[in-house]
N, C-alpha and C. Protein backbone atom coordinates (compact mmCIF):
# COMPACT_ATOMS: atom_id res chain seq x y z
N UNK A 1 7.26 -94.07 90.20
CA UNK A 1 7.45 -95.34 90.87
C UNK A 1 8.87 -95.84 90.60
N UNK A 2 9.50 -96.34 91.63
CA UNK A 2 10.84 -96.91 91.48
C UNK A 2 10.75 -98.33 90.92
N UNK A 3 11.89 -98.83 90.49
CA UNK A 3 11.95 -100.10 89.79
C UNK A 3 12.90 -101.07 90.48
N UNK A 4 12.53 -102.35 90.45
CA UNK A 4 13.42 -103.43 90.87
C UNK A 4 13.95 -104.08 89.59
N UNK A 5 15.25 -104.00 89.37
CA UNK A 5 15.91 -104.65 88.24
C UNK A 5 16.53 -105.96 88.73
N UNK A 6 16.30 -107.04 88.00
CA UNK A 6 16.88 -108.33 88.38
C UNK A 6 17.68 -108.88 87.20
N UNK A 7 18.90 -109.31 87.50
CA UNK A 7 19.79 -109.90 86.50
C UNK A 7 20.28 -111.24 87.06
N UNK A 8 20.42 -112.25 86.20
CA UNK A 8 20.92 -113.53 86.68
C UNK A 8 20.71 -114.64 85.67
N UNK A 9 20.70 -115.87 86.18
CA UNK A 9 20.50 -117.05 85.33
C UNK A 9 19.13 -117.65 85.65
N UNK A 10 18.98 -118.95 85.48
CA UNK A 10 17.67 -119.59 85.63
C UNK A 10 17.11 -119.48 87.05
N UNK A 11 17.95 -119.26 88.04
CA UNK A 11 17.44 -119.11 89.41
C UNK A 11 16.60 -117.84 89.55
N UNK A 12 16.81 -116.88 88.67
CA UNK A 12 16.08 -115.62 88.73
C UNK A 12 15.14 -115.41 87.54
N UNK A 13 15.22 -116.28 86.54
CA UNK A 13 14.44 -116.14 85.32
C UNK A 13 12.94 -116.26 85.60
N UNK A 14 12.13 -115.42 84.96
CA UNK A 14 10.67 -115.56 85.12
C UNK A 14 10.19 -116.92 84.64
N UNK A 15 9.26 -117.49 85.36
CA UNK A 15 8.74 -118.82 85.01
C UNK A 15 7.95 -118.82 83.72
N UNK A 16 7.46 -117.69 83.31
CA UNK A 16 6.65 -117.64 82.09
C UNK A 16 7.42 -117.06 80.92
N UNK A 17 8.73 -117.08 80.97
CA UNK A 17 9.53 -116.47 79.90
C UNK A 17 9.39 -117.25 78.60
N UNK A 18 9.54 -116.52 77.50
CA UNK A 18 9.48 -117.16 76.18
C UNK A 18 10.58 -118.19 76.01
N UNK A 19 11.71 -117.97 76.66
CA UNK A 19 12.83 -118.91 76.55
C UNK A 19 12.42 -120.29 77.03
N UNK A 20 11.67 -120.35 78.13
CA UNK A 20 11.23 -121.65 78.63
C UNK A 20 10.27 -122.32 77.65
N UNK A 21 9.41 -121.54 77.03
CA UNK A 21 8.40 -122.08 76.12
C UNK A 21 9.01 -122.60 74.83
N UNK A 22 10.20 -122.08 74.46
CA UNK A 22 10.84 -122.53 73.22
C UNK A 22 11.41 -123.94 73.34
N UNK A 23 11.60 -124.42 74.55
CA UNK A 23 12.14 -125.77 74.76
C UNK A 23 11.04 -126.59 75.44
N UNK A 24 10.23 -127.31 74.64
CA UNK A 24 9.05 -127.97 75.19
C UNK A 24 9.34 -129.01 76.28
N UNK A 25 10.53 -129.60 76.29
CA UNK A 25 10.83 -130.60 77.32
C UNK A 25 11.62 -130.02 78.48
N UNK A 26 11.73 -128.69 78.55
CA UNK A 26 12.37 -128.03 79.68
C UNK A 26 11.62 -128.43 80.95
N UNK A 27 12.34 -128.88 81.98
CA UNK A 27 11.68 -129.41 83.18
C UNK A 27 10.81 -128.37 83.87
N UNK A 28 11.21 -127.11 83.86
CA UNK A 28 10.37 -126.08 84.49
C UNK A 28 9.09 -125.87 83.70
N UNK A 29 9.18 -125.88 82.38
CA UNK A 29 8.00 -125.68 81.54
C UNK A 29 7.05 -126.88 81.68
N UNK A 30 7.59 -128.08 81.72
CA UNK A 30 6.77 -129.28 81.93
C UNK A 30 6.06 -129.19 83.27
N UNK A 31 6.76 -128.76 84.32
CA UNK A 31 6.17 -128.60 85.64
C UNK A 31 5.03 -127.58 85.61
N UNK A 32 5.26 -126.46 84.95
CA UNK A 32 4.22 -125.42 84.85
C UNK A 32 2.96 -125.95 84.20
N UNK A 33 3.12 -126.64 83.07
CA UNK A 33 1.95 -127.16 82.36
C UNK A 33 1.23 -128.22 83.17
N UNK A 34 2.00 -129.06 83.85
CA UNK A 34 1.40 -130.19 84.56
C UNK A 34 0.73 -129.79 85.87
N UNK A 35 1.39 -128.94 86.65
CA UNK A 35 0.91 -128.67 88.00
C UNK A 35 0.30 -127.28 88.21
N UNK A 36 0.59 -126.35 87.35
CA UNK A 36 0.15 -124.97 87.60
C UNK A 36 -1.00 -124.53 86.71
N UNK A 37 -1.36 -125.37 85.77
CA UNK A 37 -2.51 -125.14 84.90
C UNK A 37 -2.53 -123.74 84.30
N UNK A 38 -1.38 -123.28 83.85
CA UNK A 38 -1.30 -122.00 83.18
C UNK A 38 -1.22 -120.78 84.07
N UNK A 39 -1.28 -120.96 85.38
CA UNK A 39 -1.17 -119.81 86.30
C UNK A 39 0.24 -119.26 86.29
N UNK A 40 0.35 -117.95 86.47
CA UNK A 40 1.67 -117.33 86.54
C UNK A 40 2.30 -117.63 87.89
N UNK A 41 3.51 -118.11 87.87
CA UNK A 41 4.26 -118.40 89.09
C UNK A 41 5.18 -117.21 89.35
N UNK A 42 5.13 -116.67 90.55
CA UNK A 42 5.97 -115.53 90.88
C UNK A 42 7.40 -115.98 91.18
N UNK A 43 8.36 -115.18 90.72
CA UNK A 43 9.75 -115.38 91.11
C UNK A 43 9.98 -114.59 92.39
N UNK A 44 11.13 -114.80 93.01
CA UNK A 44 11.43 -114.04 94.22
C UNK A 44 11.45 -112.54 93.92
N UNK A 45 11.87 -112.16 92.70
CA UNK A 45 11.89 -110.73 92.38
C UNK A 45 10.48 -110.16 92.24
N UNK A 46 9.53 -110.97 91.76
CA UNK A 46 8.13 -110.53 91.70
C UNK A 46 7.60 -110.26 93.11
N UNK A 47 7.92 -111.16 94.04
CA UNK A 47 7.44 -111.02 95.42
C UNK A 47 8.05 -109.77 96.07
N UNK A 48 9.35 -109.57 95.86
CA UNK A 48 10.02 -108.39 96.43
C UNK A 48 9.40 -107.11 95.86
N UNK A 49 9.24 -107.07 94.53
CA UNK A 49 8.69 -105.87 93.89
C UNK A 49 7.28 -105.58 94.39
N UNK A 50 6.48 -106.61 94.51
CA UNK A 50 5.10 -106.44 94.99
C UNK A 50 5.07 -105.91 96.42
N UNK A 51 5.90 -106.49 97.28
CA UNK A 51 5.91 -106.09 98.69
C UNK A 51 6.51 -104.70 98.92
N UNK A 52 7.40 -104.27 98.02
CA UNK A 52 8.01 -102.95 98.16
C UNK A 52 7.36 -101.91 97.25
N UNK A 53 6.28 -102.33 96.57
CA UNK A 53 5.55 -101.45 95.66
C UNK A 53 6.48 -100.86 94.59
N UNK A 54 7.20 -101.75 93.91
CA UNK A 54 8.13 -101.37 92.85
C UNK A 54 7.69 -101.98 91.53
N UNK A 55 8.02 -101.32 90.45
CA UNK A 55 7.87 -101.93 89.13
C UNK A 55 8.97 -102.97 89.00
N UNK A 56 8.70 -104.08 88.33
CA UNK A 56 9.70 -105.14 88.20
C UNK A 56 10.16 -105.27 86.75
N UNK A 57 11.48 -105.26 86.55
CA UNK A 57 12.08 -105.54 85.25
C UNK A 57 13.09 -106.65 85.46
N UNK A 58 12.79 -107.81 84.91
CA UNK A 58 13.62 -108.98 85.13
C UNK A 58 14.34 -109.34 83.83
N UNK A 59 15.66 -109.26 83.85
CA UNK A 59 16.48 -109.56 82.68
C UNK A 59 17.27 -110.86 82.84
N UNK A 60 16.86 -111.68 83.77
CA UNK A 60 17.53 -112.97 83.99
C UNK A 60 17.13 -113.95 82.88
N UNK A 61 18.05 -114.85 82.58
CA UNK A 61 17.81 -115.85 81.54
C UNK A 61 18.61 -117.11 81.88
N UNK A 62 17.97 -118.25 81.76
CA UNK A 62 18.63 -119.51 82.04
C UNK A 62 19.87 -119.71 81.18
N UNK A 63 20.96 -120.15 81.80
CA UNK A 63 22.20 -120.41 81.08
C UNK A 63 23.13 -119.23 80.97
N UNK A 64 22.72 -118.06 81.46
CA UNK A 64 23.59 -116.89 81.39
C UNK A 64 24.91 -117.13 82.13
N UNK A 65 25.99 -116.67 81.51
CA UNK A 65 27.29 -116.67 82.19
C UNK A 65 27.42 -115.37 82.96
N UNK A 66 28.42 -115.27 83.83
CA UNK A 66 28.65 -114.02 84.56
C UNK A 66 29.00 -112.88 83.61
N UNK A 67 29.72 -113.18 82.51
CA UNK A 67 30.02 -112.15 81.52
C UNK A 67 28.73 -111.61 80.90
N UNK A 68 27.81 -112.51 80.59
CA UNK A 68 26.54 -112.09 79.99
C UNK A 68 25.72 -111.28 80.98
N UNK A 69 25.69 -111.72 82.23
CA UNK A 69 24.96 -110.98 83.26
C UNK A 69 25.53 -109.58 83.40
N UNK A 70 26.85 -109.46 83.47
CA UNK A 70 27.49 -108.16 83.59
C UNK A 70 27.21 -107.29 82.37
N UNK A 71 27.25 -107.88 81.19
CA UNK A 71 26.97 -107.15 79.96
C UNK A 71 25.55 -106.61 79.95
N UNK A 72 24.60 -107.40 80.42
CA UNK A 72 23.20 -106.95 80.48
C UNK A 72 23.06 -105.78 81.45
N UNK A 73 23.77 -105.84 82.57
CA UNK A 73 23.73 -104.73 83.53
C UNK A 73 24.28 -103.46 82.86
N UNK A 74 25.40 -103.58 82.16
CA UNK A 74 26.00 -102.41 81.50
C UNK A 74 25.07 -101.84 80.44
N UNK A 75 24.36 -102.70 79.70
CA UNK A 75 23.43 -102.21 78.68
C UNK A 75 22.20 -101.53 79.27
N UNK A 76 21.87 -101.85 80.51
CA UNK A 76 20.66 -101.29 81.14
C UNK A 76 20.94 -100.21 82.17
N UNK A 77 22.20 -99.97 82.51
CA UNK A 77 22.51 -99.06 83.62
C UNK A 77 22.02 -97.64 83.39
N UNK A 78 21.83 -97.24 82.16
CA UNK A 78 21.30 -95.89 81.89
C UNK A 78 19.85 -95.74 82.38
N UNK A 79 19.17 -96.87 82.61
CA UNK A 79 17.79 -96.85 83.10
C UNK A 79 17.71 -96.70 84.63
N UNK A 80 18.80 -96.97 85.34
CA UNK A 80 18.79 -96.93 86.80
C UNK A 80 18.64 -95.49 87.28
N UNK A 81 17.80 -95.31 88.29
CA UNK A 81 17.67 -93.99 88.89
C UNK A 81 17.64 -94.12 90.41
N UNK A 82 17.83 -93.00 91.07
CA UNK A 82 17.85 -92.99 92.53
C UNK A 82 16.56 -93.62 93.07
N UNK A 83 16.72 -94.52 94.03
CA UNK A 83 15.58 -95.20 94.62
C UNK A 83 15.29 -96.56 94.02
N UNK A 84 15.90 -96.87 92.87
CA UNK A 84 15.74 -98.19 92.27
C UNK A 84 16.55 -99.21 93.06
N UNK A 85 16.17 -100.46 92.94
CA UNK A 85 16.90 -101.57 93.56
C UNK A 85 17.38 -102.49 92.44
N UNK A 86 18.65 -102.87 92.49
CA UNK A 86 19.22 -103.75 91.48
C UNK A 86 19.68 -105.03 92.17
N UNK A 87 19.15 -106.16 91.72
CA UNK A 87 19.57 -107.47 92.23
C UNK A 87 20.42 -108.12 91.16
N UNK A 88 21.62 -108.55 91.54
CA UNK A 88 22.51 -109.26 90.62
C UNK A 88 22.74 -110.65 91.22
N UNK A 89 22.23 -111.66 90.56
CA UNK A 89 22.40 -113.05 90.98
C UNK A 89 23.47 -113.66 90.08
N UNK A 90 24.69 -113.72 90.60
CA UNK A 90 25.79 -114.30 89.82
C UNK A 90 25.60 -115.80 89.70
N UNK A 91 26.22 -116.39 88.69
CA UNK A 91 26.09 -117.82 88.45
C UNK A 91 27.44 -118.51 88.64
N UNK A 92 27.53 -119.77 88.27
CA UNK A 92 28.77 -120.52 88.42
C UNK A 92 29.87 -120.02 87.49
N UNK A 93 31.10 -120.07 87.97
CA UNK A 93 32.23 -119.56 87.18
C UNK A 93 32.57 -120.47 86.00
N UNK A 94 32.04 -121.67 85.95
CA UNK A 94 32.34 -122.58 84.85
C UNK A 94 31.60 -122.21 83.57
N UNK A 95 30.66 -121.29 83.64
CA UNK A 95 29.97 -120.80 82.44
C UNK A 95 30.73 -119.61 81.89
N UNK A 96 30.83 -119.52 80.56
CA UNK A 96 31.49 -118.37 79.98
C UNK A 96 30.97 -118.14 78.57
N UNK A 97 31.25 -116.93 78.06
CA UNK A 97 30.84 -116.59 76.70
C UNK A 97 31.90 -117.06 75.71
N UNK A 98 31.42 -117.42 74.54
CA UNK A 98 32.30 -117.87 73.48
C UNK A 98 31.69 -117.42 72.16
N UNK A 99 32.51 -117.08 71.20
CA UNK A 99 31.99 -116.68 69.89
C UNK A 99 31.68 -117.93 69.08
N UNK A 100 30.46 -118.03 68.61
CA UNK A 100 30.07 -119.11 67.73
C UNK A 100 30.17 -118.58 66.30
N UNK A 101 31.16 -119.04 65.53
CA UNK A 101 31.35 -118.49 64.18
C UNK A 101 30.25 -118.88 63.20
N UNK A 102 29.49 -119.92 63.52
CA UNK A 102 28.42 -120.36 62.63
C UNK A 102 27.31 -119.31 62.60
N UNK A 103 26.98 -118.76 63.77
CA UNK A 103 25.92 -117.75 63.85
C UNK A 103 26.49 -116.35 64.06
N UNK A 104 27.82 -116.25 64.17
CA UNK A 104 28.53 -114.98 64.28
C UNK A 104 28.05 -114.13 65.46
N UNK A 105 27.96 -114.75 66.63
CA UNK A 105 27.61 -113.99 67.83
C UNK A 105 28.08 -114.76 69.06
N UNK A 106 28.06 -114.05 70.21
CA UNK A 106 28.43 -114.70 71.46
C UNK A 106 27.35 -115.65 71.90
N UNK A 107 27.76 -116.78 72.46
CA UNK A 107 26.84 -117.74 73.08
C UNK A 107 27.41 -118.08 74.45
N UNK A 108 26.56 -118.55 75.33
CA UNK A 108 27.01 -118.99 76.65
C UNK A 108 27.38 -120.46 76.57
N UNK A 109 28.56 -120.78 77.05
CA UNK A 109 29.04 -122.16 77.03
C UNK A 109 29.06 -122.67 78.46
N UNK A 110 28.44 -123.83 78.65
CA UNK A 110 28.39 -124.44 79.97
C UNK A 110 29.03 -125.82 79.89
N UNK A 111 29.43 -126.38 81.02
CA UNK A 111 30.06 -127.70 81.00
C UNK A 111 29.20 -128.77 80.34
N UNK A 112 27.88 -128.61 80.40
CA UNK A 112 26.97 -129.62 79.83
C UNK A 112 26.75 -129.45 78.34
N UNK A 113 27.33 -128.42 77.72
CA UNK A 113 27.11 -128.17 76.30
C UNK A 113 27.70 -129.29 75.45
N UNK A 114 26.98 -129.61 74.41
CA UNK A 114 27.44 -130.55 73.42
C UNK A 114 27.50 -129.80 72.09
N UNK A 115 28.36 -130.20 71.18
CA UNK A 115 28.45 -129.48 69.90
C UNK A 115 27.11 -129.32 69.20
N UNK A 116 26.21 -130.27 69.36
CA UNK A 116 24.93 -130.21 68.68
C UNK A 116 24.03 -129.08 69.18
N UNK A 117 24.13 -128.71 70.46
CA UNK A 117 23.24 -127.67 70.97
C UNK A 117 23.94 -126.37 71.32
N UNK A 118 25.26 -126.32 71.26
CA UNK A 118 25.97 -125.10 71.60
C UNK A 118 26.85 -124.60 70.46
N UNK A 119 27.05 -125.41 69.46
CA UNK A 119 27.97 -125.03 68.40
C UNK A 119 29.39 -125.45 68.70
N UNK A 120 29.69 -125.67 69.97
CA UNK A 120 31.00 -126.11 70.43
C UNK A 120 30.80 -127.00 71.64
N UNK A 121 31.71 -127.90 71.83
CA UNK A 121 31.78 -128.63 73.08
C UNK A 121 32.98 -128.14 73.86
N UNK A 122 33.09 -128.55 75.11
CA UNK A 122 34.20 -128.09 75.94
C UNK A 122 35.55 -128.46 75.34
N UNK A 123 35.66 -129.61 74.70
CA UNK A 123 36.95 -130.01 74.14
C UNK A 123 37.40 -129.11 73.01
N UNK A 124 36.44 -128.63 72.17
CA UNK A 124 36.80 -127.73 71.09
C UNK A 124 37.29 -126.39 71.61
N UNK A 125 36.76 -125.96 72.74
CA UNK A 125 37.12 -124.67 73.30
C UNK A 125 38.47 -124.77 74.01
N UNK A 126 38.66 -125.83 74.77
CA UNK A 126 39.85 -125.94 75.62
C UNK A 126 41.07 -126.44 74.87
N UNK A 127 40.88 -127.11 73.74
CA UNK A 127 42.02 -127.64 72.98
C UNK A 127 42.02 -127.01 71.61
N UNK A 128 43.00 -126.20 71.35
CA UNK A 128 43.11 -125.56 70.04
C UNK A 128 43.85 -126.50 69.11
N UNK A 129 43.32 -126.70 67.92
CA UNK A 129 43.95 -127.58 66.95
C UNK A 129 44.80 -126.82 65.97
N UNK A 130 44.93 -125.51 66.14
CA UNK A 130 45.72 -124.71 65.23
C UNK A 130 47.20 -124.89 65.45
């Protein structure tokens, strides 16, 4: 069976992802609990995979930058085989990866980030104090 691979940000992220559940006040998670009563909500990639009789592997995650999306594609490209379909949903160019020295890894920085939830705010990134 061929596979549909999906990469992107929250527009492509599965509605039942663990990432959504980790943030209890996330608007999508609140919507799911309130209106969907625990039912699985299909993403567009689920619908495509079902209609084309493909296995679905969705690597989208809310807040991903284009660098992160590209990196995920590169890490998974060895899995692609003839007949597979790859969907790449690019995000806004204002998102980018940044090294957070507190946790010693890359994080996605968005315009809405505040130092309390991202480790850096836009002003710390754009203005070097060195």
